[in-house]
Amino acid sequence: MFAGYRLLHMVGDAEVLLTDLRRSPTDLIRIVRHVLCRQPSVVWLPQKTAQAWAERDPEAWARVRLWLQERGVSVRTVEAAPPGSSEPQPKQRSAAGGAIASVGW
């Protein structure tokens, strides 16, 4: 029963957040939807994307970061690879077995 309550609470909070993000000049709504669907423990973002969100709508970015933190989802940023480079992508599983998602923005 506890897990069901937690899921309902998570979805309820997400609905309010998603409604508010529809007015944001960012695409932050995508990260919330991604986490709801995939439930990763880590989300990888290009550093420039995180910076752009912080500049365009700092309040919305702060709310999304708090929402992720409350759900135990870590946000990791990576520098974009130079065009034409063959740098490896982040691994899809953590050492502890938790899901890791690389979100392309």
Protein backbone atom coordinates (compact mmCIF):
# COMPACT_ATOMS: atom_id res chain seq x y z
CA MET A 1 0.00 0.00 0.00
CA PHE A 2 2.86 2.39 0.79
CA ALA A 3 4.34 2.03 -2.71
CA GLY A 4 0.93 2.76 -4.25
CA TYR A 5 0.50 5.88 -2.13
CA ARG A 6 4.00 7.02 -3.06
CA LEU A 7 3.28 6.57 -6.77
CA LEU A 8 -0.02 8.46 -6.51
CA HIS A 9 1.72 11.27 -4.61
CA MET A 10 4.49 11.37 -7.23
CA VAL A 11 2.02 11.55 -10.11
CA GLY A 12 -0.15 14.14 -8.33
CA ASP A 13 2.82 16.40 -7.68
CA ALA A 14 3.98 15.88 -11.25
CA GLU A 15 0.61 16.94 -12.68
CA VAL A 16 0.83 20.28 -10.87
CA LEU A 17 4.42 20.72 -12.01
CA LEU A 18 3.62 19.73 -15.60
CA THR A 19 0.73 22.21 -15.70
CA ASP A 20 3.00 25.00 -14.48
CA LEU A 21 5.78 24.06 -16.91
CA ARG A 22 3.46 24.49 -19.89
CA ARG A 23 3.90 28.25 -19.39
CA SER A 24 7.71 28.03 -19.19
CA PRO A 25 9.84 29.24 -22.11
CA THR A 26 11.89 26.05 -21.69
CA ASP A 27 11.38 22.38 -22.55
CA LEU A 28 11.71 21.32 -18.88
CA ILE A 29 8.42 19.50 -19.24
CA ARG A 30 10.34 16.82 -21.17
CA ILE A 31 12.59 15.90 -18.25
CA VAL A 32 9.60 15.53 -15.90
CA ARG A 33 7.79 13.31 -18.39
CA HIS A 34 10.94 11.27 -18.92
CA VAL A 35 11.38 10.65 -15.19
CA LEU A 36 7.73 9.73 -14.77
CA CYS A 37 7.92 7.17 -17.57
CA ARG A 38 11.38 5.68 -16.99
CA GLN A 39 12.03 6.35 -13.28
CA PRO A 40 15.83 6.58 -13.64
CA SER A 41 18.12 7.16 -10.67
CA VAL A 42 20.37 9.49 -12.69
CA VAL A 43 19.60 11.83 -15.57
CA TRP A 44 22.47 13.02 -17.78
CA LEU A 45 22.12 16.43 -19.42
CA PRO A 46 24.37 18.51 -21.63
CA GLN A 47 25.88 21.29 -19.52
CA LYS A 48 24.67 23.92 -22.01
CA THR A 49 21.10 22.68 -21.63
CA ALA A 50 21.16 23.04 -17.85
CA GLN A 51 22.68 26.51 -18.18
CA ALA A 52 20.06 27.57 -20.71
CA TRP A 53 17.24 26.41 -18.42
CA ALA A 54 18.79 28.33 -15.51
CA GLU A 55 18.97 31.48 -17.63
CA ARG A 56 15.56 31.26 -19.33
CA ASP A 57 13.47 30.25 -16.33
CA PRO A 58 15.49 29.92 -13.11
CA GLU A 59 12.40 29.41 -10.94
CA ALA A 60 11.10 26.53 -13.07
CA TRP A 61 14.56 24.90 -13.22
CA ALA A 62 14.84 25.15 -9.42
CA ARG A 63 11.39 23.55 -9.01
CA VAL A 64 12.29 20.69 -11.37
CA ARG A 65 15.62 20.10 -9.60
CA LEU A 66 13.81 19.99 -6.24
CA TRP A 67 11.17 17.64 -7.67
CA LEU A 68 13.93 15.34 -8.97
CA GLN A 69 15.81 15.47 -5.66
CA GLU A 70 12.65 14.53 -3.74
CA ARG A 71 12.40 11.44 -5.94
CA GLY A 72 16.04 10.45 -5.50
CA VAL A 73 16.98 11.32 -9.08
CA SER A 74 20.46 12.80 -9.51
CA VAL A 75 21.18 15.23 -12.32
CA ARG A 76 24.60 14.95 -13.93
CA THR A 77 25.85 17.33 -16.57
CA VAL A 78 28.35 16.57 -19.28
CA GLU A 79 30.15 18.83 -21.69
CA ALA A 80 29.07 18.33 -25.26
CA ALA A 81 31.57 16.45 -27.36
CA PRO A 82 33.13 18.48 -30.15
CA PRO A 83 31.57 17.81 -33.58
CA GLY A 84 33.04 14.71 -35.16
CA SER A 85 34.50 13.31 -31.93
CA SER A 86 33.81 9.78 -30.79
CA GLU A 87 33.60 10.26 -27.03
CA PRO A 88 31.78 7.44 -25.25
CA GLN A 89 28.24 7.99 -23.98
CA PRO A 90 27.39 7.55 -20.28
CA LYS A 91 26.77 3.94 -19.26
CA GLN A 92 23.15 2.89 -19.13
CA ARG A 93 23.43 1.10 -15.75
CA SER A 94 25.10 2.28 -12.58
CA ALA A 95 27.50 0.11 -10.59
CA ALA A 96 24.75 -0.44 -8.03
CA GLY A 97 22.37 -1.62 -10.75
CA GLY A 98 20.17 1.49 -10.75
CA ALA A 99 18.88 2.78 -14.04
CA ILE A 100 20.71 5.70 -15.60
CA ALA A 101 19.15 7.71 -18.37
CA SER A 102 20.91 9.83 -20.93
CA VAL A 103 18.40 12.40 -22.09
CA GLY A 104 19.18 14.03 -25.41
CA TRP A 105 18.36 17.74 -25.52
